[in-house]
N, C-alpha and C. Protein backbone atom coordinates (compact mmCIF):
# COMPACT_ATOMS: atom_id res chain seq x y z
N MET A 1 96.41 78.39 95.83
CA MET A 1 97.84 78.08 96.12
C MET A 1 97.77 79.01 97.66
N THR A 2 99.10 78.14 98.46
CA THR A 2 98.82 78.03 99.73
C THR A 2 100.38 78.92 100.39
N SER A 3 100.29 79.72 101.03
CA SER A 3 101.68 80.16 101.82
C SER A 3 101.45 79.83 103.19
N ALA A 4 103.13 80.17 103.76
CA ALA A 4 103.04 79.86 105.28
C ALA A 4 103.77 80.90 105.63
N ASP A 5 103.64 81.30 107.09
CA ASP A 5 104.34 83.07 107.78
C ASP A 5 104.29 82.47 108.76
N ASP A 6 105.69 83.12 109.07
CA ASP A 6 106.28 83.26 111.13
C ASP A 6 107.44 82.05 110.74
N GLY A 7 107.72 81.22 110.13
CA GLY A 7 108.35 79.67 110.18
C GLY A 7 109.92 80.38 110.13
N PRO A 8 110.78 79.28 110.32
CA PRO A 8 110.38 78.00 110.28
C PRO A 8 110.17 77.56 111.92
N ASN A 9 109.20 76.58 112.34
CA ASN A 9 108.46 76.09 113.51
C ASN A 9 109.36 74.96 113.78
N PRO A 10 109.80 74.89 115.01
CA PRO A 10 110.53 73.53 115.31
C PRO A 10 109.01 72.66 115.56
N ASP A 11 108.55 73.13 116.07
CA ASP A 11 107.53 71.83 116.20
C ASP A 11 106.24 71.61 115.17
N TYR A 12 106.21 72.37 114.43
CA TYR A 12 104.93 72.12 113.08
C TYR A 12 105.64 72.74 111.86
N THR A 13 106.52 72.94 111.17
CA THR A 13 106.96 73.03 110.02
C THR A 13 107.51 71.50 109.50
N GLU A 14 107.90 70.78 110.10
CA GLU A 14 108.34 69.41 109.72
C GLU A 14 107.28 68.38 108.88
N GLU A 15 106.42 69.01 109.93
CA GLU A 15 104.92 67.97 110.34
C GLU A 15 104.51 68.17 108.81
N LEU A 16 103.76 70.22 108.44
CA LEU A 16 103.35 70.54 107.35
C LEU A 16 104.15 69.97 105.93
N LEU A 17 105.75 69.80 106.08
CA LEU A 17 106.22 69.41 104.98
C LEU A 17 106.16 68.34 104.41
N SER A 18 105.95 67.42 105.22
CA SER A 18 105.47 65.72 105.37
C SER A 18 104.55 65.68 104.10
N GLY A 19 103.34 66.47 105.12
CA GLY A 19 101.70 66.36 104.08
C GLY A 19 101.83 67.27 103.46
N LEU A 20 102.69 68.04 103.01
CA LEU A 20 102.72 68.47 101.94
C LEU A 20 103.56 67.52 100.64
N LYS A 21 104.42 67.04 101.28
CA LYS A 21 105.13 65.75 100.11
C LYS A 21 103.95 64.87 100.02
N GLU A 22 102.92 64.55 100.63
CA GLU A 22 102.50 63.26 100.70
C GLU A 22 101.28 63.53 99.73
N ARG A 23 100.63 65.20 99.82
CA ARG A 23 99.73 65.17 98.93
C ARG A 23 100.17 65.68 97.64
N GLY A 24 101.61 66.02 97.34
CA GLY A 24 102.28 66.12 95.82
C GLY A 24 101.72 67.95 95.71
N VAL A 25 102.23 68.57 96.53
CA VAL A 25 102.00 70.21 97.02
C VAL A 25 103.69 70.95 97.08
N ASN A 26 103.40 72.18 96.79
CA ASN A 26 104.33 72.87 96.87
C ASN A 26 103.67 74.19 97.12
N ALA A 27 104.28 74.83 98.10
CA ALA A 27 103.80 75.74 98.94
C ALA A 27 105.11 77.00 99.21
N THR A 28 104.79 78.15 99.26
CA THR A 28 105.71 79.52 99.79
C THR A 28 106.06 79.69 101.24
N PHE A 29 106.86 79.36 102.02
CA PHE A 29 107.03 79.76 102.88
C PHE A 29 107.68 81.39 103.24
N PHE A 30 107.30 82.23 103.59
CA PHE A 30 107.72 83.01 103.85
C PHE A 30 108.26 83.41 105.53
N LEU A 31 109.59 83.26 105.58
CA LEU A 31 110.45 83.06 106.81
C LEU A 31 110.80 84.27 107.61
N LEU A 32 111.04 84.09 108.47
CA LEU A 32 111.44 85.31 109.65
C LEU A 32 113.33 85.05 109.71
N GLY A 33 113.69 85.86 109.45
CA GLY A 33 115.12 85.57 109.74
C GLY A 33 115.58 85.12 110.95
N LYS A 34 115.11 85.86 112.08
CA LYS A 34 115.54 85.31 113.40
C LYS A 34 115.01 83.08 113.76
N GLU A 35 114.28 83.17 113.03
CA GLU A 35 113.91 81.99 113.06
C GLU A 35 115.04 80.92 112.30
N VAL A 36 115.03 81.47 111.05
CA VAL A 36 115.78 80.64 109.67
C VAL A 36 117.40 80.33 111.02
N GLU A 37 117.87 81.55 111.59
CA GLU A 37 119.05 81.58 111.83
C GLU A 37 119.27 79.90 113.24
N LYS A 38 117.93 79.97 113.77
CA LYS A 38 117.75 79.16 114.86
C LYS A 38 117.78 77.87 114.41
N TYR A 39 117.05 77.71 113.21
CA TYR A 39 116.65 76.16 112.71
C TYR A 39 116.78 76.35 111.36
N PRO A 40 118.32 76.09 110.88
CA PRO A 40 118.80 76.05 109.64
C PRO A 40 118.26 74.98 109.00
N ASP A 41 118.47 73.73 109.24
CA ASP A 41 118.16 72.36 109.06
C ASP A 41 116.42 72.07 108.43
N ILE A 42 115.75 73.00 109.32
CA ILE A 42 114.20 73.24 108.46
C ILE A 42 114.10 74.00 107.44
N VAL A 43 115.11 75.18 107.20
CA VAL A 43 115.34 75.94 106.02
C VAL A 43 115.94 74.61 105.22
N LYS A 44 116.73 74.51 105.43
CA LYS A 44 117.28 73.76 103.93
C LYS A 44 116.51 72.54 103.53
N ASP A 45 115.64 71.62 104.61
CA ASP A 45 114.62 70.44 104.56
C ASP A 45 113.19 71.90 103.63
N ILE A 46 113.13 72.77 103.77
CA ILE A 46 111.92 73.18 102.82
C ILE A 46 112.71 73.19 101.64
N SER A 47 113.38 73.94 101.24
CA SER A 47 114.21 74.24 100.39
C SER A 47 114.47 73.03 99.42
N ASP A 48 114.92 71.72 99.80
CA ASP A 48 115.21 70.78 99.51
C ASP A 48 113.99 69.90 98.76
N SER A 49 112.99 70.48 99.62
CA SER A 49 111.06 70.01 99.34
C SER A 49 110.91 70.40 97.99
N GLY A 50 111.34 71.72 97.53
CA GLY A 50 111.35 72.29 96.53
C GLY A 50 109.83 73.32 96.36
N HIS A 51 109.94 73.68 97.92
CA HIS A 51 109.14 74.54 98.31
C HIS A 51 109.93 75.88 98.01
N LEU A 52 109.34 77.10 97.55
CA LEU A 52 109.86 78.48 97.48
C LEU A 52 109.95 79.08 98.75
N ILE A 53 110.78 79.87 99.27
CA ILE A 53 111.37 80.54 100.53
C ILE A 53 111.41 82.40 100.21
N GLY A 54 110.69 82.99 100.96
CA GLY A 54 110.75 83.79 101.03
C GLY A 54 111.03 84.85 102.02
N THR A 55 111.24 86.38 102.14
CA THR A 55 111.24 86.59 103.39
C THR A 55 110.14 87.50 104.20
N HIS A 56 110.12 87.42 105.62
CA HIS A 56 108.84 87.86 105.87
C HIS A 56 109.14 88.95 107.09
N SER A 57 110.44 89.32 107.26
CA SER A 57 111.84 90.26 107.74
C SER A 57 112.10 89.38 109.14
N TYR A 58 112.88 89.95 109.59
CA TYR A 58 113.72 89.14 110.71
C TYR A 58 112.97 88.71 111.78
N GLU A 59 112.15 90.00 112.54
CA GLU A 59 111.50 89.90 114.04
C GLU A 59 110.33 90.49 113.66
N HIS A 60 109.50 90.21 112.93
CA HIS A 60 108.16 90.12 112.64
C HIS A 60 107.45 91.50 113.18
N VAL A 61 108.50 92.81 112.55
CA VAL A 61 107.74 93.77 112.94
C VAL A 61 107.21 94.35 111.68
N ASN A 62 106.62 95.79 111.80
CA ASN A 62 105.85 96.49 111.15
C ASN A 62 106.73 97.25 110.57
N LEU A 63 107.37 96.76 109.35
CA LEU A 63 108.38 97.61 108.58
C LEU A 63 107.70 99.20 107.97
N SER A 64 106.74 99.34 107.64
CA SER A 64 106.15 100.98 107.82
C SER A 64 106.35 101.61 109.01
N ASN A 65 106.47 101.06 109.95
CA ASN A 65 106.83 102.04 111.54
C ASN A 65 108.35 102.14 111.34
N LEU A 66 109.37 101.58 110.41
CA LEU A 66 110.70 101.86 110.59
C LEU A 66 111.46 102.95 109.36
N SER A 67 112.52 103.38 110.42
CA SER A 67 113.36 104.11 109.20
C SER A 67 113.17 103.12 107.55
N ASP A 68 113.63 103.93 106.56
CA ASP A 68 114.21 102.68 105.55
C ASP A 68 115.57 101.87 106.16
N ALA A 69 115.96 102.71 106.54
CA ALA A 69 117.81 101.75 107.21
C ALA A 69 117.23 101.17 107.53
N ALA A 70 116.14 100.82 108.87
CA ALA A 70 116.07 99.56 109.34
C ALA A 70 115.07 98.67 108.76
N ALA A 71 114.40 99.36 108.00
CA ALA A 71 113.84 98.23 107.12
C ALA A 71 114.43 97.41 106.10
N ILE A 72 115.26 97.73 105.77
CA ILE A 72 115.99 97.72 104.79
C ILE A 72 116.54 96.08 105.43
N GLU A 73 117.49 96.93 106.59
CA GLU A 73 117.86 95.87 107.02
C GLU A 73 117.09 94.81 107.81
N GLN A 74 116.12 94.82 108.30
CA GLN A 74 115.21 93.75 108.71
C GLN A 74 114.99 92.63 107.70
N VAL A 75 114.73 93.41 106.43
CA VAL A 75 115.24 92.39 104.96
C VAL A 75 116.23 92.31 104.54
N ASP A 76 117.15 92.29 104.38
CA ASP A 76 118.80 92.04 104.10
C ASP A 76 119.51 91.01 105.29
N LYS A 77 119.12 91.28 106.52
CA LYS A 77 119.52 90.39 107.36
C LYS A 77 119.02 88.62 107.13
N THR A 78 117.62 88.73 106.67
CA THR A 78 116.38 87.77 106.62
C THR A 78 117.36 87.08 105.19
N ASN A 79 117.54 87.85 104.30
CA ASN A 79 117.56 87.14 102.79
C ASN A 79 119.20 86.84 102.92
N ALA A 80 120.03 87.47 103.55
CA ALA A 80 121.31 86.78 104.17
C ALA A 80 121.17 85.42 104.49
N ALA A 81 120.50 85.49 105.79
CA ALA A 81 120.34 83.98 106.68
C ALA A 81 120.21 83.05 105.68
N ILE A 82 119.01 83.48 104.93
CA ILE A 82 118.38 82.20 103.97
C ILE A 82 119.58 81.81 102.83
N HIS A 83 119.99 82.65 102.08
CA HIS A 83 121.15 82.63 101.60
C HIS A 83 122.19 81.18 101.98
N ASP A 84 122.42 82.07 103.12
CA ASP A 84 123.73 81.18 103.57
C ASP A 84 123.26 79.65 103.81
N ILE A 85 121.99 79.23 103.57
CA ILE A 85 121.45 77.90 103.82
C ILE A 85 121.10 77.69 102.83
N THR A 86 120.91 77.94 101.88
CA THR A 86 119.92 77.67 100.24
C THR A 86 121.09 77.96 99.22
N GLY A 87 122.11 78.53 99.32
CA GLY A 87 122.41 79.27 98.82
C GLY A 87 121.59 80.28 97.81
N LYS A 88 120.37 80.57 97.87
CA LYS A 88 119.50 81.33 96.74
C LYS A 88 119.25 82.66 97.38
N TYR A 89 119.05 83.78 97.24
CA TYR A 89 118.21 84.87 97.80
C TYR A 89 116.96 84.95 97.18
N PRO A 90 116.40 85.09 98.41
CA PRO A 90 114.82 85.26 97.92
C PRO A 90 114.42 86.49 97.47
N GLU A 91 113.44 86.14 96.09
CA GLU A 91 112.90 87.35 95.86
C GLU A 91 111.84 87.56 96.02
N TYR A 92 111.11 87.26 96.79
CA TYR A 92 109.49 87.61 97.31
C TYR A 92 109.96 87.90 98.76
N ILE A 93 108.69 89.17 98.91
CA ILE A 93 108.69 89.42 100.62
C ILE A 93 106.98 89.43 101.03
N ARG A 94 106.63 88.90 101.95
CA ARG A 94 105.47 89.32 102.57
C ARG A 94 105.59 89.83 103.63
N PRO A 95 105.57 91.36 103.70
CA PRO A 95 105.75 92.32 104.66
C PRO A 95 104.37 91.93 105.81
N PRO A 96 105.16 92.23 107.23
CA PRO A 96 104.10 91.65 108.15
C PRO A 96 103.09 92.50 108.32
N TYR A 97 101.97 92.08 108.57
CA TYR A 97 100.76 92.83 108.33
C TYR A 97 100.23 93.43 107.78
N GLY A 98 101.17 93.09 106.25
CA GLY A 98 100.69 93.34 105.00
C GLY A 98 101.37 94.91 104.63
N CYS A 99 102.15 95.49 105.43
CA CYS A 99 102.41 96.69 105.86
C CYS A 99 104.01 96.88 105.14
N TRP A 100 103.81 97.28 103.60
CA TRP A 100 105.12 97.47 103.38
C TRP A 100 105.48 99.03 103.30
N LYS A 101 106.76 99.37 102.67
CA LYS A 101 107.34 101.24 102.21
C LYS A 101 107.33 101.10 101.14
N CYS A 102 106.36 101.54 100.00
CA CYS A 102 106.81 101.30 98.71
C CYS A 102 107.74 101.77 97.88
N ASN A 103 108.60 102.99 98.50
CA ASN A 103 109.80 103.06 98.42
C ASN A 103 111.05 101.97 98.92
N LEU A 104 110.53 100.90 99.16
CA LEU A 104 111.67 100.22 99.07
C LEU A 104 111.81 99.44 98.27
N ASP A 105 110.73 99.45 97.44
CA ASP A 105 110.84 98.11 96.35
C ASP A 105 111.91 98.64 94.88
N TYR A 106 112.27 100.12 95.31
CA TYR A 106 113.83 100.42 94.69
C TYR A 106 114.74 99.80 95.35
N GLU A 107 114.65 99.94 96.64
CA GLU A 107 115.90 99.78 97.65
C GLU A 107 116.09 97.82 97.42
N THR A 108 114.95 97.33 97.95
CA THR A 108 115.50 96.10 97.83
C THR A 108 115.22 94.88 96.42
N LYS A 109 114.46 95.56 95.06
CA LYS A 109 114.10 94.87 93.96
C LYS A 109 113.57 93.32 94.26
N MET A 110 112.74 93.48 95.40
CA MET A 110 112.04 92.56 95.81
C MET A 110 110.58 92.26 95.17
N ILE A 111 109.70 91.21 95.19
CA ILE A 111 108.47 91.49 94.65
C ILE A 111 107.37 91.11 96.02
N GLU A 112 106.59 92.40 96.37
CA GLU A 112 105.77 92.25 97.84
C GLU A 112 104.75 91.23 96.90
N VAL A 113 104.32 89.94 97.81
CA VAL A 113 103.21 89.32 97.99
C VAL A 113 102.43 89.50 99.09
N LEU A 114 101.05 89.62 99.37
CA LEU A 114 100.31 90.00 99.84
C LEU A 114 99.28 88.19 99.79
N TRP A 115 98.06 88.49 99.98
CA TRP A 115 96.93 87.64 99.80
C TRP A 115 95.48 87.89 99.75
N ASP A 116 94.83 86.66 99.53
CA ASP A 116 93.49 87.07 99.02
C ASP A 116 92.60 86.04 99.75
N VAL A 117 93.20 85.14 100.66
CA VAL A 117 92.33 84.84 101.77
C VAL A 117 92.95 84.51 103.01
N ASP A 118 92.69 85.60 104.16
CA ASP A 118 92.86 85.19 105.19
C ASP A 118 91.79 84.54 106.70
N PRO A 119 92.72 83.21 106.76
CA PRO A 119 91.59 83.04 107.44
C PRO A 119 91.80 82.93 108.88
N LYS A 120 92.78 83.84 109.11
CA LYS A 120 93.12 84.36 111.03
C LYS A 120 93.18 82.82 111.86
N ASP A 121 94.20 82.32 111.02
CA ASP A 121 94.39 80.84 111.66
C ASP A 121 95.46 81.10 113.11
N TRP A 122 95.57 81.82 113.18
CA TRP A 122 96.42 82.82 114.65
C TRP A 122 95.52 82.73 115.95
N ALA A 123 94.46 83.25 115.38
CA ALA A 123 93.42 83.62 116.09
C ALA A 123 92.11 82.36 116.87
N THR A 124 92.73 81.43 115.97
CA THR A 124 91.66 80.37 116.56
C THR A 124 92.78 78.80 116.58
N ASP A 125 92.43 77.87 117.41
CA ASP A 125 92.66 76.71 117.65
C ASP A 125 92.12 75.49 117.07
N ASN A 126 90.88 75.92 116.28
CA ASN A 126 90.43 74.93 115.60
C ASN A 126 90.08 74.80 114.05
N SER A 127 90.80 73.86 113.70
CA SER A 127 91.30 74.01 112.63
C SER A 127 90.61 73.45 111.55
N GLY A 128 89.08 72.93 112.15
CA GLY A 128 87.92 73.15 111.11
C GLY A 128 87.50 74.73 110.46
N VAL A 129 87.54 75.10 111.68
CA VAL A 129 87.13 76.74 111.64
C VAL A 129 88.16 77.38 110.26
N ILE A 130 89.10 77.13 110.31
CA ILE A 130 90.36 77.57 109.68
C ILE A 130 89.94 76.98 108.28
N ALA A 131 89.76 76.11 108.05
CA ALA A 131 89.60 75.45 107.15
C ALA A 131 88.27 75.59 106.43
N LYS A 132 87.23 75.66 106.50
CA LYS A 132 86.08 76.36 106.42
C LYS A 132 86.00 77.52 105.82
N ARG A 133 86.95 78.52 106.48
CA ARG A 133 87.09 80.03 106.47
C ARG A 133 87.60 80.28 104.88
N VAL A 134 88.78 79.31 104.37
CA VAL A 134 89.37 79.37 103.50
C VAL A 134 88.55 78.75 102.18
N ILE A 135 87.81 77.55 102.78
CA ILE A 135 86.78 76.54 101.32
C ILE A 135 86.07 77.79 101.09
N ASP A 136 85.35 78.32 101.99
CA ASP A 136 84.21 79.02 101.55
C ASP A 136 84.54 80.47 100.73
N LYS A 137 85.41 81.08 100.80
CA LYS A 137 86.05 82.17 100.03
C LYS A 137 87.15 81.88 99.20
N VAL A 138 87.58 80.80 98.74
CA VAL A 138 88.74 80.79 98.24
C VAL A 138 87.80 80.70 96.48
N GLU A 139 88.93 81.53 95.54
CA GLU A 139 88.57 81.89 94.30
C GLU A 139 89.83 80.96 93.38
N GLU A 140 89.57 80.81 92.34
CA GLU A 140 90.56 80.61 91.49
C GLU A 140 91.84 81.55 90.93
N ASN A 141 93.24 81.34 91.48
CA ASN A 141 94.09 81.81 91.40
C ASN A 141 94.20 82.70 92.56
N ASP A 142 93.93 82.36 93.67
CA ASP A 142 93.65 83.14 95.23
C ASP A 142 95.08 82.72 95.85
N ILE A 143 95.59 83.23 96.47
CA ILE A 143 96.89 83.31 97.51
C ILE A 143 96.48 83.05 98.85
N ILE A 144 96.51 81.97 99.34
CA ILE A 144 95.78 81.73 100.82
C ILE A 144 97.01 81.73 101.75
N LEU A 145 96.74 82.59 102.73
CA LEU A 145 97.89 82.66 103.92
C LEU A 145 96.97 82.04 105.12
N LEU A 146 98.24 81.51 105.37
CA LEU A 146 98.33 80.13 106.84
C LEU A 146 99.61 80.63 107.33
N HIS A 147 100.00 79.86 108.40
CA HIS A 147 100.99 79.73 109.26
C HIS A 147 101.51 78.51 109.76
N ASP A 148 102.60 78.11 109.83
CA ASP A 148 103.38 77.20 110.48
C ASP A 148 103.52 77.10 112.05
N ALA A 149 103.07 77.58 112.70
CA ALA A 149 103.23 78.10 114.06
C ALA A 149 102.52 77.17 115.11
N SER A 150 101.26 76.32 114.39
CA SER A 150 100.54 75.76 115.32
C SER A 150 99.91 74.49 114.90
N GLU A 151 99.64 73.43 115.53
CA GLU A 151 98.99 72.04 115.28
C GLU A 151 97.64 72.04 114.32
N SER A 152 97.09 73.93 114.98
CA SER A 152 95.76 73.80 113.86
C SER A 152 95.91 74.08 112.47
N SER A 153 96.44 75.06 112.47
CA SER A 153 96.95 75.50 111.18
C SER A 153 97.29 74.30 110.16
N VAL A 154 98.26 73.33 110.66
CA VAL A 154 98.82 72.34 109.93
C VAL A 154 97.58 71.87 109.47
N LYS A 155 96.67 71.40 110.46
CA LYS A 155 95.12 70.22 110.08
C LYS A 155 94.48 71.09 109.46
N ALA A 156 94.61 72.29 109.50
CA ALA A 156 93.36 72.93 108.57
C ALA A 156 94.17 73.08 106.91
N ALA A 157 95.82 73.30 106.44
CA ALA A 157 96.13 73.58 105.64
C ALA A 157 96.08 71.61 104.97
N PHE A 158 95.85 71.10 105.68
CA PHE A 158 96.21 69.85 104.98
C PHE A 158 94.13 69.51 104.34
N ALA A 159 93.43 69.65 105.44
CA ALA A 159 92.16 70.05 104.64
C ALA A 159 91.79 70.71 103.65
N ILE A 160 92.33 72.09 104.14
CA ILE A 160 92.39 72.80 102.72
C ILE A 160 92.12 72.26 101.18
N VAL A 161 94.04 71.74 101.33
CA VAL A 161 94.16 70.96 100.09
C VAL A 161 93.23 69.62 99.84
N ASP A 162 93.27 68.75 100.47
CA ASP A 162 92.51 67.54 100.41
C ASP A 162 90.86 68.27 100.06
N GLU A 163 90.37 68.98 100.47
CA GLU A 163 88.93 69.56 99.47
C GLU A 163 89.11 70.40 98.40
N LEU A 164 90.07 70.95 98.36
CA LEU A 164 90.28 71.60 97.41
C LEU A 164 91.07 70.91 96.16
N LYS A 165 91.65 69.80 96.23
CA LYS A 165 92.10 69.48 95.19
C LYS A 165 91.20 68.12 94.43
N LYS A 166 89.88 68.51 95.46
CA LYS A 166 88.37 67.46 94.98
C LYS A 166 87.81 68.07 94.03
N GLU A 167 88.14 69.50 94.24
CA GLU A 167 87.21 70.18 93.82
C GLU A 167 87.54 71.02 92.22
N GLY A 168 88.81 70.32 92.29
CA GLY A 168 89.59 70.58 90.72
C GLY A 168 90.68 71.88 90.71
N TYR A 169 91.32 72.00 91.87
CA TYR A 169 92.04 72.95 92.16
C TYR A 169 92.98 72.47 92.31
N THR A 170 94.46 73.53 91.84
CA THR A 170 96.13 72.93 92.17
C THR A 170 96.64 74.22 92.73
N PHE A 171 97.58 73.36 93.61
CA PHE A 171 98.60 74.61 94.51
C PHE A 171 99.90 74.58 93.58
N VAL A 172 100.13 75.69 93.92
CA VAL A 172 101.47 76.44 93.01
C VAL A 172 102.13 77.33 94.11
N THR A 173 103.54 77.78 94.15
CA THR A 173 104.29 78.44 94.32
C THR A 173 103.51 79.98 94.21
N VAL A 174 103.62 80.81 94.94
CA VAL A 174 103.61 82.41 94.82
C VAL A 174 104.32 82.62 93.37
N GLU A 175 105.54 81.93 93.13
CA GLU A 175 106.20 82.22 91.81
C GLU A 175 105.62 82.29 90.67
N GLU A 176 104.91 80.79 90.14
CA GLU A 176 103.70 80.20 89.39
C GLU A 176 102.47 81.23 89.24
N ILE A 177 102.45 81.58 90.33
CA ILE A 177 100.35 82.12 90.15
C ILE A 177 100.95 83.49 89.53
N LEU A 178 102.03 84.31 90.39
CA LEU A 178 102.36 85.62 89.40
C LEU A 178 103.13 85.64 88.01
N MET A 179 104.03 84.84 88.18
CA MET A 179 104.73 84.66 86.78
C MET A 179 103.16 84.35 85.42
N GLU A 180 102.01 83.98 85.73
CA GLU A 180 101.40 83.56 84.58
C GLU A 180 101.09 84.83 83.38
């Protein structure tokens, strides 16, 4: 299962959507509210393509460093922006840096989603290295963290999907994996 963070990205998200469609794969996109407001057409494309949309915060801040009110604002503002475009409120959140405030579970009623495999694709532009980091480590039911903000990450995503499908893996959204 693959998920993409930090988008939507005007240069790479559409390329990722196209390649996932060719491969018959749905993923989960954890979006930044600030980017959602800038690129509503891309958000609509993500939703219309059958991918799951989750919240990543409004400005990619460490929510655990904020007051409760400020953290809730980061979440609520993003959820509202996504709802305005898709008609649906996200149910899942991936907090930036994996840092969540446990007391916000009650306030937001969202399900926190982290990851099992992080190839640190943001730290290299070598798609082969990114793909190898995932393929060497991934196991059944793992959540793979990738970003849709660079060409290398998108190419790595395609290589990962192609190789793991050959190995018998299937790709689903986080909702499908968490609700099993």
